[in-house]
Amino acid sequence: MPQLHRYTAGGTIGGPIIKDKLFGFASYQHTHASDLEIGTSRTAVPFGLTDDRSPAALAAVAFNNWGTSFNSVVAPNPAGSNGPFNIDPVAYALLTAKLPNGQYLFPSANPNFTPTLNFPENVFITQPAYFITDQAVSDLDYLATSKDTLALKYYYQHDPTLAPSGIPLSRVFRSTWMRAARWRALLIRSPSDQLQCRRSIRIHSREGL
């Protein structure tokens, strides 16, 4: 069962700043969620690919999967060569490349799983996906007169999502965040007669891979 952890913390504060004149309100909420299900991905690699990435081991993997003979040599192949082939340096660099956490860029096959036509993936990568958000709202209400009220409001949200191993596997990193400020001024003369001015500005918004 994929693990899901979530907690939310926050608080509110509000009240008169100047008695019968200026009132303030502020709230903040922080949410942290880690979800193993959406952070799980599967893919297919050559059968028999292990953490032994020596030229000899890779040559054996190629022969066992496709019947193609390779020399245990990392070097460009001569033009017109019909085999046995050398292991291409670019292919070897990719197959031996490692991520910052020490894992291979192309993971090893699961030796305990036999791929089928309906389920060819033999690699299962599990790493929690994280969603962390911070939200804040503030409000100031100023009673200019018994008939006139000025209200100022501000809203902030920051919500990046990180799914290192989410489906599809090629989407290694995804992050979205948004910061916004909004304010509104209301000039209220009576319940049936009010002048309202609004303006909204987006300070920063970005979505990327």
C-alpha atoms as a PDB file:
ATOM      1  CA  MET A   1       0.000   0.000   0.000  1.00  0.00           C
ATOM      2  CA  PRO A   2       1.597   3.321  -1.068  1.00  0.00           C
ATOM      3  CA  GLN A   3       2.238   5.601   1.852  1.00  0.00           C
ATOM      4  CA  LEU A   4       0.567   8.987   2.061  1.00  0.00           C
ATOM      5  CA  HIS A   5       1.584  11.492   4.708  1.00  0.00           C
ATOM      6  CA  ARG A   6      -0.028  14.870   5.062  1.00  0.00           C
ATOM      7  CA  TYR A   7      -0.082  17.496   7.753  1.00  0.00           C
ATOM      8  CA  THR A   8      -1.455  20.996   7.857  1.00  0.00           C
ATOM      9  CA  ALA A   9      -0.651  23.726  10.337  1.00  0.00           C
ATOM     10  CA  GLY A  10      -1.633  27.345  10.526  1.00  0.00           C
ATOM     11  CA  GLY A  11      -3.422  29.991  12.479  1.00  0.00           C
ATOM     12  CA  THR A  12      -5.358  33.202  12.376  1.00  0.00           C
ATOM     13  CA  ILE A  13      -5.211  36.448  14.265  1.00  0.00           C
ATOM     14  CA  GLY A  14      -7.466  39.440  14.067  1.00  0.00           C
ATOM     15  CA  GLY A  15      -9.017  42.263  15.971  1.00  0.00           C
ATOM     16  CA  PRO A  16      -9.112  46.022  16.369  1.00  0.00           C
ATOM     17  CA  ILE A  17      -5.850  47.904  15.878  1.00  0.00           C
ATOM     18  CA  ILE A  18      -7.430  51.264  16.628  1.00  0.00           C
ATOM     19  CA  LYS A  19     -10.651  51.007  18.574  1.00  0.00           C
ATOM     20  CA  ASP A  20     -13.719  51.476  16.367  1.00  0.00           C
ATOM     21  CA  LYS A  21     -11.456  52.688  13.541  1.00  0.00           C
ATOM     22  CA  LEU A  22      -8.936  50.196  12.153  1.00  0.00           C
ATOM     23  CA  PHE A  23      -9.321  46.426  12.111  1.00  0.00           C
ATOM     24  CA  GLY A  24      -6.823  43.839  11.002  1.00  0.00           C
ATOM     25  CA  PHE A  25      -6.894  40.157  10.165  1.00  0.00           C
ATOM     26  CA  ALA A  26      -4.178  37.722   9.087  1.00  0.00           C
ATOM     27  CA  SER A  27      -4.109  33.983   8.474  1.00  0.00           C
ATOM     28  CA  TYR A  28      -1.432  31.503   7.465  1.00  0.00           C
ATOM     29  CA  GLN A  29      -1.540  27.844   6.467  1.00  0.00           C
ATOM     30  CA  HIS A  30       1.289  25.431   5.696  1.00  0.00           C
ATOM     31  CA  THR A  31       0.602  22.059   4.072  1.00  0.00           C
ATOM     32  CA  HIS A  32       3.158  19.291   3.582  1.00  0.00           C
ATOM     33  CA  ALA A  33       2.212  16.112   1.750  1.00  0.00           C
ATOM     34  CA  SER A  34       4.313  13.167   0.602  1.00  0.00           C
ATOM     35  CA  ASP A  35       2.657  10.630  -1.682  1.00  0.00           C
ATOM     36  CA  LEU A  36       4.394   7.415  -2.662  1.00  0.00           C
ATOM     37  CA  GLU A  37       1.790   6.435  -5.275  1.00  0.00           C
ATOM     38  CA  ILE A  38       2.285   9.354  -7.668  1.00  0.00           C
ATOM     39  CA  GLY A  39       6.041   9.156  -7.039  1.00  0.00           C
ATOM     40  CA  THR A  40       6.206   5.591  -8.363  1.00  0.00           C
ATOM     41  CA  SER A  41       7.137   4.870 -11.958  1.00  0.00           C
ATOM     42  CA  ARG A  42       7.963   1.838 -14.076  1.00  0.00           C
ATOM     43  CA  THR A  43       9.935   1.400 -17.269  1.00  0.00           C
ATOM     44  CA  ALA A  44      11.695  -1.268 -19.303  1.00  0.00           C
ATOM     45  CA  VAL A  45      15.431  -1.807 -19.690  1.00  0.00           C
ATOM     46  CA  PRO A  46      17.323  -4.682 -21.365  1.00  0.00           C
ATOM     47  CA  PHE A  47      16.806  -7.954 -19.543  1.00  0.00           C
ATOM     48  CA  GLY A  48      19.833  -8.866 -17.442  1.00  0.00           C
ATOM     49  CA  LEU A  49      21.096  -5.289 -17.028  1.00  0.00           C
ATOM     50  CA  THR A  50      22.696  -5.138 -13.580  1.00  0.00           C
ATOM     51  CA  ASP A  51      24.860  -2.776 -11.583  1.00  0.00           C
ATOM     52  CA  ASP A  52      27.881  -4.364 -13.268  1.00  0.00           C
ATOM     53  CA  ARG A  53      28.390  -1.897 -16.109  1.00  0.00           C
ATOM     54  CA  SER A  54      31.761  -3.162 -17.262  1.00  0.00           C
ATOM     55  CA  PRO A  55      32.237  -3.496 -21.042  1.00  0.00           C
ATOM     56  CA  ALA A  56      32.204  -7.295 -20.754  1.00  0.00           C
ATOM     57  CA  ALA A  57      28.921  -7.276 -18.806  1.00  0.00           C
ATOM     58  CA  LEU A  58      27.253  -4.914 -21.264  1.00  0.00           C
ATOM     59  CA  ALA A  59      28.452  -6.981 -24.213  1.00  0.00           C
ATOM     60  CA  ALA A  60      26.860 -10.049 -22.607  1.00  0.00           C
ATOM     61  CA  VAL A  61      23.554  -8.187 -22.099  1.00  0.00           C
ATOM     62  CA  ALA A  62      23.482  -7.189 -25.775  1.00  0.00           C
ATOM     63  CA  PHE A  63      24.216 -10.730 -26.930  1.00  0.00           C
ATOM     64  CA  ASN A  64      21.627 -12.328 -24.620  1.00  0.00           C
ATOM     65  CA  ASN A  65      18.887  -9.904 -25.688  1.00  0.00           C
ATOM     66  CA  TRP A  66      19.528  -9.455 -29.396  1.00  0.00           C
ATOM     67  CA  GLY A  67      22.145 -12.039 -30.379  1.00  0.00           C
ATOM     68  CA  THR A  68      24.538  -9.303 -31.432  1.00  0.00           C
ATOM     69  CA  SER A  69      28.216  -9.884 -30.700  1.00  0.00           C
ATOM     70  CA  PHE A  70      30.179  -7.039 -29.109  1.00  0.00           C
ATOM     71  CA  ASN A  71      33.811  -6.776 -28.169  1.00  0.00           C
ATOM     72  CA  SER A  72      34.557  -5.823 -24.581  1.00  0.00           C
ATOM     73  CA  VAL A  73      36.063  -2.625 -25.934  1.00  0.00           C
ATOM     74  CA  VAL A  74      34.759   0.920 -25.707  1.00  0.00           C
ATOM     75  CA  ALA A  75      35.705   2.547 -29.006  1.00  0.00           C
ATOM     76  CA  PRO A  76      34.123   3.873 -32.203  1.00  0.00           C
ATOM     77  CA  ASN A  77      33.248   1.235 -34.783  1.00  0.00           C
ATOM     78  CA  PRO A  78      35.110   1.286 -38.105  1.00  0.00           C
ATOM     79  CA  ALA A  79      33.041   2.280 -41.103  1.00  0.00           C
ATOM     80  CA  GLY A  80      31.377  -0.696 -42.742  1.00  0.00           C
ATOM     81  CA  SER A  81      31.986  -3.020 -39.782  1.00  0.00           C
ATOM     82  CA  ASN A  82      29.726  -6.083 -39.726  1.00  0.00           C
ATOM     83  CA  GLY A  83      30.694  -7.208 -36.235  1.00  0.00           C
ATOM     84  CA  PRO A  84      31.620  -8.143 -33.741  1.00  0.00           C
ATOM     85  CA  PHE A  85      31.142  -4.512 -32.783  1.00  0.00           C
ATOM     86  CA  ASN A  86      32.841  -2.281 -30.288  1.00  0.00           C
ATOM     87  CA  ILE A  87      30.773  -0.631 -27.570  1.00  0.00           C
ATOM     88  CA  ASP A  88      30.022   2.913 -28.678  1.00  0.00           C
ATOM     89  CA  PRO A  89      31.559   5.478 -26.266  1.00  0.00           C
ATOM     90  CA  VAL A  90      28.375   7.569 -26.163  1.00  0.00           C
ATOM     91  CA  ALA A  91      26.209   4.541 -25.357  1.00  0.00           C
ATOM     92  CA  TYR A  92      28.691   3.440 -22.716  1.00  0.00           C
ATOM     93  CA  ALA A  93      28.709   6.908 -21.129  1.00  0.00           C
ATOM     94  CA  LEU A  94      24.907   6.895 -20.915  1.00  0.00           C
ATOM     95  CA  LEU A  95      24.707   3.401 -19.463  1.00  0.00           C
ATOM     96  CA  THR A  96      27.304   4.206 -16.808  1.00  0.00           C
ATOM     97  CA  ALA A  97      26.052   7.710 -15.980  1.00  0.00           C
ATOM     98  CA  LYS A  98      24.850   8.209 -12.420  1.00  0.00           C
ATOM     99  CA  LEU A  99      22.437  10.594 -10.775  1.00  0.00           C
ATOM    100  CA  PRO A 100      23.455  12.810  -7.824  1.00  0.00           C
ATOM    101  CA  ASN A 101      22.070  10.185  -5.410  1.00  0.00           C
ATOM    102  CA  GLY A 102      24.451   7.553  -6.804  1.00  0.00           C
ATOM    103  CA  GLN A 103      21.864   5.583  -8.773  1.00  0.00           C
ATOM    104  CA  TYR A 104      22.394   4.778 -12.433  1.00  0.00           C
ATOM    105  CA  LEU A 105      20.593   6.986 -14.925  1.00  0.00           C
ATOM    106  CA  PHE A 106      19.399   3.769 -16.574  1.00  0.00           C
ATOM    107  CA  PRO A 107      18.417   1.566 -13.610  1.00  0.00           C
ATOM    108  CA  SER A 108      19.132  -2.118 -13.378  1.00  0.00           C
ATOM    109  CA  ALA A 109      16.470  -4.668 -14.298  1.00  0.00           C
ATOM    110  CA  ASN A 110      14.545  -6.446 -11.582  1.00  0.00           C
ATOM    111  CA  PRO A 111      16.028  -9.979 -11.597  1.00  0.00           C
ATOM    112  CA  ASN A 112      12.896 -11.410  -9.913  1.00  0.00           C
ATOM    113  CA  PHE A 113      10.466 -10.226 -12.593  1.00  0.00           C
ATOM    114  CA  THR A 114       9.911 -11.713 -16.038  1.00  0.00           C
ATOM    115  CA  PRO A 115       8.470  -9.210 -18.533  1.00  0.00           C
ATOM    116  CA  THR A 116       5.343 -10.170 -20.446  1.00  0.00           C
ATOM    117  CA  LEU A 117       3.636  -8.775 -23.529  1.00  0.00           C
ATOM    118  CA  ASN A 118       1.048  -6.976 -21.378  1.00  0.00           C
ATOM    119  CA  PHE A 119       3.534  -5.927 -18.716  1.00  0.00           C
ATOM    120  CA  PRO A 120       6.937  -5.357 -20.329  1.00  0.00           C
ATOM    121  CA  GLU A 121       8.289  -3.028 -17.642  1.00  0.00           C
ATOM    122  CA  ASN A 122      10.966  -4.669 -15.519  1.00  0.00           C
ATOM    123  CA  VAL A 123      12.060  -1.654 -13.454  1.00  0.00           C
ATOM    124  CA  PHE A 124      10.072  -0.120 -10.637  1.00  0.00           C
ATOM    125  CA  ILE A 125      11.273   3.176  -9.244  1.00  0.00           C
ATOM    126  CA  THR A 126       9.787   4.405  -6.004  1.00  0.00           C
ATOM    127  CA  GLN A 127      10.448   7.783  -4.506  1.00  0.00           C
ATOM    128  CA  PRO A 128       7.886   9.954  -2.687  1.00  0.00           C
ATOM    129  CA  ALA A 129       6.439  12.963  -4.446  1.00  0.00           C
ATOM    130  CA  TYR A 130       6.202  16.085  -2.324  1.00  0.00           C
ATOM    131  CA  PHE A 131       3.681  18.884  -2.306  1.00  0.00           C
ATOM    132  CA  ILE A 132       4.449  21.817  -0.027  1.00  0.00           C
ATOM    133  CA  THR A 133       2.331  24.918   0.041  1.00  0.00           C
ATOM    134  CA  ASP A 134       2.318  28.138   2.033  1.00  0.00           C
ATOM    135  CA  GLN A 135      -0.713  30.376   1.942  1.00  0.00           C
ATOM    136  CA  ALA A 136      -1.310  33.690   3.663  1.00  0.00           C
ATOM    137  CA  VAL A 137      -4.176  36.170   3.667  1.00  0.00           C
ATOM    138  CA  SER A 138      -4.262  39.574   5.319  1.00  0.00           C
ATOM    139  CA  ASP A 139      -6.915  42.248   5.531  1.00  0.00           C
ATOM    140  CA  LEU A 140      -7.147  45.799   6.809  1.00  0.00           C
ATOM    141  CA  ASP A 141     -10.464  47.581   7.229  1.00  0.00           C
ATOM    142  CA  TYR A 142     -10.476  51.289   7.983  1.00  0.00           C
ATOM    143  CA  LEU A 143     -13.697  53.038   9.011  1.00  0.00           C
ATOM    144  CA  ALA A 144     -13.129  56.546   7.698  1.00  0.00           C
ATOM    145  CA  THR A 145     -16.596  57.683   8.718  1.00  0.00           C
ATOM    146  CA  SER A 146     -19.797  56.000   9.726  1.00  0.00           C
ATOM    147  CA  LYS A 147     -20.561  55.659   6.017  1.00  0.00           C
ATOM    148  CA  ASP A 148     -17.115  55.247   4.432  1.00  0.00           C
ATOM    149  CA  THR A 149     -15.024  52.073   4.675  1.00  0.00           C
ATOM    150  CA  LEU A 150     -11.651  51.356   3.080  1.00  0.00           C
ATOM    151  CA  ALA A 151     -10.617  47.704   2.807  1.00  0.00           C
ATOM    152  CA  LEU A 152      -7.157  46.465   1.744  1.00  0.00           C
ATOM    153  CA  LYS A 153      -6.536  42.773   1.102  1.00  0.00           C
ATOM    154  CA  TYR A 154      -3.433  40.733   0.282  1.00  0.00           C
ATOM    155  CA  TYR A 155      -3.130  37.096  -0.810  1.00  0.00           C
ATOM    156  CA  TYR A 156       0.019  34.984  -1.128  1.00  0.00           C
ATOM    157  CA  GLN A 157       0.519  31.387  -2.239  1.00  0.00           C
ATOM    158  CA  HIS A 158       3.611  29.314  -2.927  1.00  0.00           C
ATOM    159  CA  ASP A 159       3.006  25.709  -3.982  1.00  0.00           C
ATOM    160  CA  PRO A 160       5.866  23.746  -5.576  1.00  0.00           C
ATOM    161  CA  THR A 161       5.350  20.067  -6.416  1.00  0.00           C
ATOM    162  CA  LEU A 162       8.298  17.696  -6.694  1.00  0.00           C
ATOM    163  CA  ALA A 163       7.817  14.263  -8.248  1.00  0.00           C
ATOM    164  CA  PRO A 164      11.301  12.866  -9.006  1.00  0.00           C
ATOM    165  CA  SER A 165      10.048   9.483 -10.217  1.00  0.00           C
ATOM    166  CA  GLY A 166       6.506  10.281 -11.233  1.00  0.00           C
ATOM    167  CA  ILE A 167       4.858   8.930 -14.374  1.00  0.00           C
ATOM    168  CA  PRO A 168       6.013   9.529 -17.044  1.00  0.00           C
ATOM    169  CA  LEU A 169       9.604   8.788 -16.087  1.00  0.00           C
ATOM    170  CA  SER A 170      10.941  11.492 -18.416  1.00  0.00           C
ATOM    171  CA  ARG A 171       9.273  14.124 -16.279  1.00  0.00           C
ATOM    172  CA  VAL A 172      12.047  14.059 -13.701  1.00  0.00           C
ATOM    173  CA  PHE A 173      11.199  17.336 -12.017  1.00  0.00           C
ATOM    174  CA  ARG A 174       8.129  19.448 -12.027  1.00  0.00           C
ATOM    175  CA  SER A 175       7.587  22.619 -10.110  1.00  0.00           C
ATOM    176  CA  THR A 176       4.826  25.182 -10.068  1.00  0.00           C
ATOM    177  CA  TRP A 177       4.547  28.255  -7.958  1.00  0.00           C
ATOM    178  CA  MET A 178       2.563  31.431  -7.902  1.00  0.00           C
ATOM    179  CA  ARG A 179       2.767  34.641  -5.962  1.00  0.00           C
ATOM    180  CA  ALA A 180      -0.034  37.131  -6.202  1.00  0.00           C
ATOM    181  CA  ALA A 181      -1.071  40.342  -4.565  1.00  0.00           C
ATOM    182  CA  ARG A 182      -4.582  41.672  -4.662  1.00  0.00           C
ATOM    183  CA  TRP A 183      -6.133  44.667  -3.093  1.00  0.00           C
ATOM    184  CA  ARG A 184      -9.557  46.188  -3.150  1.00  0.00           C
ATOM    185  CA  ALA A 185     -10.805  49.570  -2.067  1.00  0.00           C
ATOM    186  CA  LEU A 186     -14.470  49.949  -1.250  1.00  0.00           C
ATOM    187  CA  LEU A 187     -16.135  53.278  -0.674  1.00  0.00           C
ATOM    188  CA  ILE A 188     -19.454  52.483   0.916  1.00  0.00           C
ATOM    189  CA  ARG A 189     -21.953  55.263   1.334  1.00  0.00           C
ATOM    190  CA  SER A 190     -24.983  53.117   2.063  1.00  0.00           C
ATOM    191  CA  PRO A 191     -26.052  49.472   1.620  1.00  0.00           C
ATOM    192  CA  SER A 192     -27.630  50.377  -1.720  1.00  0.00           C
ATOM    193  CA  ASP A 193     -25.003  52.865  -2.904  1.00  0.00           C
ATOM    194  CA  GLN A 194     -21.379  51.798  -3.031  1.00  0.00           C
ATOM    195  CA  LEU A 195     -18.400  52.561  -5.240  1.00  0.00           C
ATOM    196  CA  GLN A 196     -16.028  49.674  -5.622  1.00  0.00           C
ATOM    197  CA  CYS A 197     -12.518  49.769  -7.108  1.00  0.00           C
ATOM    198  CA  ARG A 198     -10.515  46.631  -7.664  1.00  0.00           C
ATOM    199  CA  ARG A 199      -7.056  45.914  -8.927  1.00  0.00           C
ATOM    200  CA  SER A 200      -5.100  42.693  -9.123  1.00  0.00           C
ATOM    201  CA  ILE A 201      -1.451  42.158  -9.977  1.00  0.00           C
ATOM    202  CA  ARG A 202       0.446  38.906 -10.393  1.00  0.00           C
ATOM    203  CA  ILE A 203       3.925  39.337  -8.999  1.00  0.00           C
ATOM    204  CA  HIS A 204       5.394  36.035 -10.101  1.00  0.00           C
ATOM    205  CA  SER A 205       4.027  32.967 -11.803  1.00  0.00           C
ATOM    206  CA  ARG A 206       5.960  30.107 -13.312  1.00  0.00           C
ATOM    207  CA  GLU A 207       5.516  26.497 -14.308  1.00  0.00           C
ATOM    208  CA  GLY A 208       8.297  24.366 -15.645  1.00  0.00           C
ATOM    209  CA  LEU A 209       9.915  20.977 -15.953  1.00  0.00           C
END
